[in-house]
């Protein structure tokens, strides 16, 4: 997809105050301050993730 991202090897729920996952897979978008900005449930396409990132940055 051309998106660079970190894959967490340990459960990040406590560190990032994440809510319980309602579905698998789940994608969390966490900002540079460690705050969860978005929880995307189910399989995501590159276009969906890119659009969500643009929206969060105020570009979409």
Protein backbone atom coordinates (compact mmCIF):
# COMPACT_ATOMS: atom_id res chain seq x y z
CA UNK A 1 0.00 0.00 0.00
CA UNK A 2 2.98 2.31 0.36
CA UNK A 3 2.01 3.35 3.90
CA UNK A 4 4.76 3.17 6.51
CA UNK A 5 3.47 2.25 9.94
CA UNK A 6 4.55 0.70 13.20
CA UNK A 7 3.27 -2.74 14.09
CA UNK A 8 2.90 -3.20 17.83
CA UNK A 9 4.18 -6.50 19.22
CA UNK A 10 2.53 -6.06 22.61
CA UNK A 11 -0.99 -5.07 23.56
CA UNK A 12 -1.01 -1.25 23.37
CA UNK A 13 -4.38 -0.81 25.11
CA UNK A 14 -3.08 0.48 28.43
CA UNK A 15 -0.28 2.64 27.01
CA UNK A 16 -2.60 4.43 24.57
CA UNK A 17 -5.86 4.22 26.57
CA UNK A 18 -7.49 2.24 23.76
CA UNK A 19 -11.08 1.05 23.99
CA UNK A 20 -11.83 -2.66 23.75
CA UNK A 21 -11.86 -3.86 20.16
CA UNK A 22 -15.33 -4.66 18.83
CA UNK A 23 -14.03 -6.47 15.74
CA UNK A 24 -10.91 -7.93 14.19
CA UNK A 25 -8.95 -6.69 12.46
CA UNK A 26 -8.86 -3.24 14.01
CA UNK A 27 -6.68 -0.30 12.98
CA UNK A 28 -5.88 2.46 15.46
CA UNK A 29 -4.62 5.81 14.22
CA UNK A 30 -2.47 7.34 16.94
CA UNK A 31 -1.08 10.86 16.62
CA UNK A 32 2.46 11.99 17.36
CA UNK A 33 1.46 12.81 20.95
CA UNK A 34 0.28 9.24 21.59
CA UNK A 35 -3.44 10.08 21.49
CA UNK A 36 -5.77 7.70 19.68
CA UNK A 37 -7.49 9.69 16.95
CA UNK A 38 -9.46 6.97 15.19
CA UNK A 39 -10.47 3.32 15.48
CA UNK A 40 -11.21 1.63 12.15
CA UNK A 41 -13.03 -1.68 12.42
CA UNK A 42 -12.60 -4.45 9.88
CA UNK A 43 -10.36 -4.71 6.87
CA UNK A 44 -9.22 -1.36 5.46
CA UNK A 45 -8.07 -0.42 1.98
CA UNK A 46 -5.18 1.93 1.32
CA UNK A 47 -7.64 4.50 -0.03
CA UNK A 48 -9.76 4.37 3.13
CA UNK A 49 -6.78 4.83 5.44
CA UNK A 50 -5.29 7.62 3.34
CA UNK A 51 -8.64 9.46 3.22
CA UNK A 52 -9.02 9.15 7.00
CA UNK A 53 -5.49 10.50 7.54
CA UNK A 54 -6.23 13.46 5.24
CA UNK A 55 -9.48 14.14 7.10
CA UNK A 56 -7.71 14.07 10.46
CA UNK A 57 -5.08 16.49 9.12
CA UNK A 58 -7.79 18.82 7.80
CA UNK A 59 -6.92 18.12 4.17
CA UNK A 60 -10.04 16.20 3.19
